[in-house]
Amino acid sequence: MALLRVWLLCLLVGVAVGRQVPSEAVEIWNEAMGPYREQCASETNVDLDTVATMFSEASPIDDGDHHCYVHCVFQQVNFISAEGEFDSETIQNTASFLNEDQVGGCVSSGEEAEELCEKSYRLFECIIDAVAED
């Protein structure tokens, strides 16, 4: 019985901790995206504290407001144009923790969506999936 309790506690701690993005990637990300967080959070009516940790805690929020928050930030850093075209070179140079194949795969993932906010969000989700660790 005691062993079962220990196992359940370990399971709960593992779920609570979840995946994390390596600190080096978080530092690079925050340096690039940080200057636009407040403006984009205000424009899209999302909580600034929540969006500040979506990347570092590998916990993207899947709703329209947060999709548009990500799109706003990505436009500011030139990851995506007003027409919805991704700039792979800018993504690679800015998110230098990603390799070329990861950038290509994530751009392809984003291109599957039609709506601009959704395109940006899919790219964001893919970037997190590419770098987050258990």
N, C-alpha and C. Protein backbone atom coordinates (compact mmCIF):
# COMPACT_ATOMS: atom_id res chain seq x y z
N MET A 1 0.82 -1.19 0.00
CA MET A 1 0.00 0.00 0.00
C MET A 1 0.87 1.25 0.00
N ALA A 2 1.93 1.23 0.80
CA ALA A 2 2.82 2.38 0.86
C ALA A 2 3.49 2.62 -0.49
N LEU A 3 3.85 1.54 -1.16
CA LEU A 3 4.48 1.65 -2.47
C LEU A 3 3.52 2.28 -3.47
N LEU A 4 2.25 1.93 -3.40
CA LEU A 4 1.25 2.52 -4.27
C LEU A 4 1.13 4.02 -4.02
N ARG A 5 1.16 4.44 -2.77
CA ARG A 5 1.08 5.87 -2.44
C ARG A 5 2.29 6.62 -3.00
N VAL A 6 3.45 6.04 -2.85
CA VAL A 6 4.66 6.68 -3.39
C VAL A 6 4.55 6.81 -4.91
N TRP A 7 4.10 5.74 -5.55
CA TRP A 7 3.95 5.77 -7.01
C TRP A 7 2.95 6.85 -7.44
N LEU A 8 1.82 6.94 -6.75
CA LEU A 8 0.81 7.96 -7.08
C LEU A 8 1.35 9.36 -6.84
N LEU A 9 2.10 9.57 -5.78
CA LEU A 9 2.70 10.87 -5.51
C LEU A 9 3.67 11.25 -6.62
N CYS A 10 4.48 10.31 -7.05
CA CYS A 10 5.42 10.57 -8.15
C CYS A 10 4.67 10.92 -9.43
N LEU A 11 3.61 10.21 -9.69
CA LEU A 11 2.80 10.48 -10.87
C LEU A 11 2.22 11.89 -10.82
N LEU A 12 1.68 12.28 -9.68
CA LEU A 12 1.10 13.61 -9.53
C LEU A 12 2.14 14.70 -9.65
N VAL A 13 3.30 14.51 -9.07
CA VAL A 13 4.37 15.49 -9.19
C VAL A 13 4.80 15.62 -10.65
N GLY A 14 4.91 14.51 -11.35
CA GLY A 14 5.28 14.54 -12.76
C GLY A 14 4.29 15.29 -13.59
N VAL A 15 3.01 15.11 -13.32
CA VAL A 15 1.96 15.82 -14.06
C VAL A 15 1.99 17.29 -13.73
N ALA A 16 2.19 17.62 -12.45
CA ALA A 16 2.20 19.03 -12.02
C ALA A 16 3.38 19.77 -12.61
N VAL A 17 4.53 19.12 -12.67
CA VAL A 17 5.72 19.78 -13.19
C VAL A 17 5.63 19.90 -14.71
N GLY A 18 5.27 18.82 -15.38
CA GLY A 18 5.09 18.85 -16.83
C GLY A 18 6.37 19.14 -17.58
N ARG A 19 6.18 19.54 -18.80
CA ARG A 19 7.31 19.84 -19.68
C ARG A 19 7.78 21.27 -19.45
N GLN A 20 9.06 21.48 -19.69
CA GLN A 20 9.66 22.80 -19.55
C GLN A 20 10.55 23.06 -20.76
N VAL A 21 10.67 24.30 -21.10
CA VAL A 21 11.58 24.71 -22.16
C VAL A 21 12.93 25.02 -21.51
N PRO A 22 14.04 24.56 -22.08
CA PRO A 22 15.36 24.82 -21.49
C PRO A 22 15.59 26.33 -21.29
N SER A 23 16.29 26.65 -20.22
CA SER A 23 16.48 28.05 -19.83
C SER A 23 17.17 28.88 -20.91
N GLU A 24 18.10 28.29 -21.64
CA GLU A 24 18.79 29.03 -22.72
C GLU A 24 17.79 29.46 -23.79
N ALA A 25 16.88 28.56 -24.16
CA ALA A 25 15.86 28.89 -25.16
C ALA A 25 14.90 29.95 -24.62
N VAL A 26 14.54 29.85 -23.34
CA VAL A 26 13.64 30.83 -22.73
C VAL A 26 14.28 32.21 -22.75
N GLU A 27 15.55 32.27 -22.45
CA GLU A 27 16.27 33.55 -22.44
C GLU A 27 16.26 34.19 -23.84
N ILE A 28 16.56 33.40 -24.84
CA ILE A 28 16.57 33.89 -26.22
C ILE A 28 15.16 34.35 -26.62
N TRP A 29 14.17 33.54 -26.28
CA TRP A 29 12.76 33.84 -26.62
C TRP A 29 12.31 35.14 -25.94
N ASN A 30 12.57 35.24 -24.65
CA ASN A 30 12.13 36.41 -23.90
C ASN A 30 12.79 37.70 -24.38
N GLU A 31 14.04 37.59 -24.77
CA GLU A 31 14.74 38.77 -25.29
C GLU A 31 14.07 39.26 -26.57
N ALA A 32 13.65 38.35 -27.42
CA ALA A 32 13.02 38.73 -28.70
C ALA A 32 11.57 39.13 -28.53
N MET A 33 10.82 38.36 -27.75
CA MET A 33 9.36 38.56 -27.66
C MET A 33 8.96 39.52 -26.54
N GLY A 34 9.76 39.59 -25.50
CA GLY A 34 9.43 40.36 -24.32
C GLY A 34 8.99 41.80 -24.56
N PRO A 35 9.67 42.52 -25.44
CA PRO A 35 9.29 43.92 -25.65
C PRO A 35 7.87 44.12 -26.19
N TYR A 36 7.26 43.06 -26.73
CA TYR A 36 5.94 43.19 -27.35
C TYR A 36 4.81 42.57 -26.53
N ARG A 37 5.17 41.92 -25.43
CA ARG A 37 4.18 41.22 -24.61
C ARG A 37 3.06 42.13 -24.12
N GLU A 38 3.45 43.21 -23.49
CA GLU A 38 2.45 44.08 -22.88
C GLU A 38 1.50 44.66 -23.92
N GLN A 39 2.05 45.18 -25.00
CA GLN A 39 1.22 45.77 -26.06
C GLN A 39 0.26 44.72 -26.64
N CYS A 40 0.78 43.55 -26.97
CA CYS A 40 -0.06 42.52 -27.59
C CYS A 40 -1.07 41.93 -26.61
N ALA A 41 -0.69 41.80 -25.35
CA ALA A 41 -1.65 41.31 -24.34
C ALA A 41 -2.80 42.30 -24.21
N SER A 42 -2.47 43.58 -24.23
CA SER A 42 -3.51 44.61 -24.13
C SER A 42 -4.43 44.59 -25.35
N GLU A 43 -3.85 44.46 -26.52
CA GLU A 43 -4.63 44.46 -27.76
C GLU A 43 -5.55 43.26 -27.88
N THR A 44 -5.18 42.15 -27.27
CA THR A 44 -5.95 40.92 -27.43
C THR A 44 -6.70 40.50 -26.16
N ASN A 45 -6.64 41.34 -25.15
CA ASN A 45 -7.36 41.09 -23.89
C ASN A 45 -6.99 39.77 -23.23
N VAL A 46 -5.69 39.49 -23.16
CA VAL A 46 -5.24 38.30 -22.45
C VAL A 46 -4.43 38.74 -21.23
N ASP A 47 -4.32 37.85 -20.26
CA ASP A 47 -3.59 38.15 -19.03
C ASP A 47 -2.08 38.14 -19.27
N LEU A 48 -1.44 39.24 -18.92
CA LEU A 48 -0.01 39.39 -19.17
C LEU A 48 0.81 38.34 -18.42
N ASP A 49 0.46 38.05 -17.18
CA ASP A 49 1.20 37.05 -16.41
C ASP A 49 1.09 35.66 -17.03
N THR A 50 -0.08 35.36 -17.57
CA THR A 50 -0.29 34.05 -18.18
C THR A 50 0.54 33.91 -19.45
N VAL A 51 0.51 34.91 -20.31
CA VAL A 51 1.25 34.79 -21.57
C VAL A 51 2.76 34.84 -21.36
N ALA A 52 3.17 35.43 -20.26
CA ALA A 52 4.60 35.50 -19.98
C ALA A 52 5.20 34.13 -19.71
N THR A 53 4.37 33.16 -19.35
CA THR A 53 4.89 31.82 -19.04
C THR A 53 4.47 30.75 -20.04
N MET A 54 3.70 31.11 -21.05
CA MET A 54 3.25 30.09 -22.01
C MET A 54 4.42 29.36 -22.65
N PHE A 55 5.47 30.08 -23.01
CA PHE A 55 6.61 29.46 -23.66
C PHE A 55 7.46 28.70 -22.65
N SER A 56 7.88 29.36 -21.59
CA SER A 56 8.80 28.74 -20.64
C SER A 56 8.23 27.49 -19.99
N GLU A 57 6.93 27.49 -19.75
CA GLU A 57 6.29 26.34 -19.11
C GLU A 57 5.67 25.38 -20.13
N ALA A 58 5.94 25.63 -21.39
CA ALA A 58 5.43 24.77 -22.47
C ALA A 58 3.92 24.55 -22.32
N SER A 59 3.20 25.65 -22.11
CA SER A 59 1.76 25.54 -21.86
C SER A 59 0.98 26.56 -22.70
N PRO A 60 0.98 26.38 -24.02
CA PRO A 60 0.21 27.30 -24.85
C PRO A 60 -1.28 27.18 -24.57
N ILE A 61 -1.97 28.28 -24.60
CA ILE A 61 -3.41 28.30 -24.33
C ILE A 61 -4.13 28.34 -25.67
N ASP A 62 -4.96 27.34 -25.89
CA ASP A 62 -5.60 27.12 -27.18
C ASP A 62 -7.00 27.76 -27.22
N ASP A 63 -7.01 29.09 -27.39
CA ASP A 63 -8.28 29.79 -27.63
C ASP A 63 -7.99 30.99 -28.52
N GLY A 64 -9.04 31.54 -29.10
CA GLY A 64 -8.88 32.60 -30.09
C GLY A 64 -8.10 33.80 -29.62
N ASP A 65 -8.33 34.26 -28.40
CA ASP A 65 -7.61 35.44 -27.89
C ASP A 65 -6.12 35.17 -27.80
N HIS A 66 -5.76 34.00 -27.30
CA HIS A 66 -4.34 33.67 -27.18
C HIS A 66 -3.70 33.40 -28.54
N HIS A 67 -4.46 32.86 -29.46
CA HIS A 67 -3.95 32.68 -30.83
C HIS A 67 -3.58 34.05 -31.39
N CYS A 68 -4.47 35.01 -31.20
CA CYS A 68 -4.24 36.36 -31.74
C CYS A 68 -3.14 37.10 -30.99
N TYR A 69 -2.97 36.80 -29.71
CA TYR A 69 -1.83 37.35 -28.96
C TYR A 69 -0.52 36.88 -29.62
N VAL A 70 -0.42 35.58 -29.85
CA VAL A 70 0.79 35.03 -30.48
C VAL A 70 0.99 35.66 -31.85
N HIS A 71 -0.08 35.80 -32.61
CA HIS A 71 0.03 36.42 -33.94
C HIS A 71 0.55 37.85 -33.83
N CYS A 72 0.04 38.60 -32.88
CA CYS A 72 0.48 39.98 -32.68
C CYS A 72 1.99 40.03 -32.42
N VAL A 73 2.46 39.19 -31.50
CA VAL A 73 3.89 39.17 -31.18
C VAL A 73 4.70 38.73 -32.40
N PHE A 74 4.23 37.70 -33.08
CA PHE A 74 4.97 37.19 -34.24
C PHE A 74 5.04 38.22 -35.37
N GLN A 75 4.01 39.03 -35.51
CA GLN A 75 4.09 40.10 -36.51
C GLN A 75 5.14 41.13 -36.10
N GLN A 76 5.19 41.44 -34.81
CA GLN A 76 6.15 42.43 -34.32
C GLN A 76 7.60 41.99 -34.56
N VAL A 77 7.85 40.69 -34.44
CA VAL A 77 9.22 40.19 -34.63
C VAL A 77 9.45 39.69 -36.05
N ASN A 78 8.48 39.92 -36.92
CA ASN A 78 8.58 39.58 -38.34
C ASN A 78 8.67 38.09 -38.63
N PHE A 79 8.06 37.28 -37.76
CA PHE A 79 7.95 35.85 -38.06
C PHE A 79 6.91 35.62 -39.15
N ILE A 80 5.90 36.48 -39.20
CA ILE A 80 4.81 36.34 -40.15
C ILE A 80 4.44 37.71 -40.68
N SER A 81 4.15 37.78 -41.96
CA SER A 81 3.78 39.05 -42.58
C SER A 81 2.28 39.31 -42.41
N ALA A 82 1.86 40.51 -42.76
CA ALA A 82 0.44 40.86 -42.71
C ALA A 82 -0.37 39.98 -43.65
N GLU A 83 0.29 39.44 -44.67
CA GLU A 83 -0.39 38.57 -45.64
C GLU A 83 -0.39 37.11 -45.20
N GLY A 84 0.29 36.81 -44.10
CA GLY A 84 0.29 35.44 -43.59
C GLY A 84 1.44 34.58 -44.07
N GLU A 85 2.47 35.20 -44.60
CA GLU A 85 3.64 34.45 -45.06
C GLU A 85 4.68 34.38 -43.95
N PHE A 86 5.17 33.19 -43.66
CA PHE A 86 6.21 33.04 -42.66
C PHE A 86 7.56 33.39 -43.24
N ASP A 87 8.44 33.94 -42.41
CA ASP A 87 9.81 34.26 -42.80
C ASP A 87 10.73 33.29 -42.08
N SER A 88 11.03 32.18 -42.72
CA SER A 88 11.84 31.12 -42.10
C SER A 88 13.21 31.61 -41.66
N GLU A 89 13.81 32.49 -42.43
CA GLU A 89 15.14 32.99 -42.08
C GLU A 89 15.08 33.81 -40.79
N THR A 90 14.07 34.66 -40.66
CA THR A 90 13.93 35.45 -39.43
C THR A 90 13.63 34.55 -38.24
N ILE A 91 12.78 33.55 -38.45
CA ILE A 91 12.48 32.61 -37.37
C ILE A 91 13.76 31.90 -36.93
N GLN A 92 14.54 31.42 -37.88
CA GLN A 92 15.79 30.71 -37.58
C GLN A 92 16.78 31.62 -36.85
N ASN A 93 16.91 32.85 -37.32
CA ASN A 93 17.87 33.77 -36.70
C ASN A 93 17.43 34.21 -35.31
N THR A 94 16.13 34.39 -35.12
CA THR A 94 15.61 34.84 -33.82
C THR A 94 15.55 33.70 -32.82
N ALA A 95 15.00 32.59 -33.24
CA ALA A 95 14.88 31.40 -32.37
C ALA A 95 16.05 30.47 -32.67
N SER A 96 17.24 30.94 -32.36
CA SER A 96 18.47 30.24 -32.74
C SER A 96 18.62 28.88 -32.07
N PHE A 97 17.78 28.57 -31.12
CA PHE A 97 17.80 27.26 -30.46
C PHE A 97 17.14 26.19 -31.32
N LEU A 98 16.50 26.60 -32.42
CA LEU A 98 15.89 25.66 -33.36
C LEU A 98 16.85 25.37 -34.50
N ASN A 99 16.82 24.14 -34.99
CA ASN A 99 17.63 23.85 -36.18
C ASN A 99 16.77 24.09 -37.43
N GLU A 100 17.39 24.02 -38.56
CA GLU A 100 16.71 24.32 -39.83
C GLU A 100 15.53 23.38 -40.08
N ASP A 101 15.71 22.10 -39.78
CA ASP A 101 14.61 21.14 -39.98
C ASP A 101 13.43 21.45 -39.07
N GLN A 102 13.71 21.83 -37.83
CA GLN A 102 12.63 22.17 -36.90
C GLN A 102 11.86 23.40 -37.40
N VAL A 103 12.59 24.40 -37.86
CA VAL A 103 11.93 25.60 -38.39
C VAL A 103 11.07 25.23 -39.59
N GLY A 104 11.62 24.45 -40.51
CA GLY A 104 10.85 24.04 -41.69
C GLY A 104 9.60 23.28 -41.33
N GLY A 105 9.72 22.35 -40.39
CA GLY A 105 8.56 21.58 -39.96
C GLY A 105 7.51 22.44 -39.29
N CYS A 106 7.95 23.39 -38.50
CA CYS A 106 7.00 24.25 -37.79
C CYS A 106 6.33 25.23 -38.74
N VAL A 107 7.07 25.72 -39.71
CA VAL A 107 6.46 26.59 -40.73
C VAL A 107 5.39 25.80 -41.49
N SER A 108 5.71 24.57 -41.85
CA SER A 108 4.72 23.73 -42.55
C SER A 108 3.48 23.51 -41.69
N SER A 109 3.69 23.31 -40.40
CA SER A 109 2.57 23.12 -39.49
C SER A 109 1.68 24.36 -39.47
N GLY A 110 2.29 25.53 -39.41
CA GLY A 110 1.53 26.77 -39.41
C GLY A 110 0.81 27.03 -40.71
N GLU A 111 1.43 26.65 -41.80
CA GLU A 111 0.84 26.90 -43.11
C GLU A 111 -0.42 26.08 -43.36
N GLU A 112 -0.65 25.05 -42.55
CA GLU A 112 -1.85 24.23 -42.70
C GLU A 112 -3.12 25.00 -42.32
N ALA A 113 -2.97 26.03 -41.51
CA ALA A 113 -4.12 26.82 -41.08
C ALA A 113 -4.38 27.94 -42.08
N GLU A 114 -5.62 28.37 -42.14
CA GLU A 114 -5.97 29.45 -43.06
C GLU A 114 -6.02 30.80 -42.36
N GLU A 115 -6.60 30.82 -41.17
CA GLU A 115 -6.77 32.07 -40.44
C GLU A 115 -5.43 32.50 -39.83
N LEU A 116 -5.11 33.81 -39.89
CA LEU A 116 -3.79 34.31 -39.49
C LEU A 116 -3.43 34.00 -38.04
N CYS A 117 -4.36 34.22 -37.12
CA CYS A 117 -4.06 33.95 -35.71
C CYS A 117 -3.79 32.47 -35.50
N GLU A 118 -4.56 31.62 -36.15
CA GLU A 118 -4.37 30.18 -36.04
C GLU A 118 -3.03 29.76 -36.64
N LYS A 119 -2.63 30.36 -37.74
CA LYS A 119 -1.33 30.05 -38.36
C LYS A 119 -0.21 30.30 -37.37
N SER A 120 -0.26 31.48 -36.76
CA SER A 120 0.79 31.84 -35.80
C SER A 120 0.79 30.91 -34.60
N TYR A 121 -0.40 30.60 -34.11
CA TYR A 121 -0.50 29.72 -32.95
C TYR A 121 0.06 28.33 -33.26
N ARG A 122 -0.24 27.81 -34.43
CA ARG A 122 0.29 26.47 -34.80
C ARG A 122 1.81 26.49 -34.87
N LEU A 123 2.36 27.57 -35.39
CA LEU A 123 3.82 27.70 -35.41
C LEU A 123 4.35 27.71 -33.98
N PHE A 124 3.72 28.49 -33.11
CA PHE A 124 4.12 28.59 -31.70
C PHE A 124 4.07 27.24 -31.01
N GLU A 125 2.97 26.52 -31.18
CA GLU A 125 2.81 25.20 -30.59
C GLU A 125 3.90 24.25 -31.05
N CYS A 126 4.21 24.30 -32.32
CA CYS A 126 5.23 23.42 -32.88
C CYS A 126 6.62 23.77 -32.33
N ILE A 127 6.90 25.06 -32.18
CA ILE A 127 8.18 25.48 -31.61
C ILE A 127 8.31 24.93 -30.19
N ILE A 128 7.25 25.07 -29.42
CA ILE A 128 7.28 24.54 -28.05
C ILE A 128 7.51 23.03 -28.08
N ASP A 129 6.78 22.31 -28.93
CA ASP A 129 6.94 20.86 -29.01
C ASP A 129 8.36 20.47 -29.42
N ALA A 130 8.99 21.31 -30.24
CA ALA A 130 10.34 20.99 -30.72
C ALA A 130 11.40 21.15 -29.62
N VAL A 131 11.17 22.04 -28.65
CA VAL A 131 12.23 22.30 -27.68
C VAL A 131 11.91 21.88 -26.25
N ALA A 132 10.64 21.66 -25.92
CA ALA A 132 10.28 21.34 -24.53
C ALA A 132 10.81 19.97 -24.14
N GLU A 133 11.18 19.88 -22.88
CA GLU A 133 11.71 18.63 -22.34
C GLU A 133 10.83 18.17 -21.18
N ASP A 134 10.76 16.85 -21.02
CA ASP A 134 9.99 16.29 -19.90
C ASP A 134 10.75 16.44 -18.60
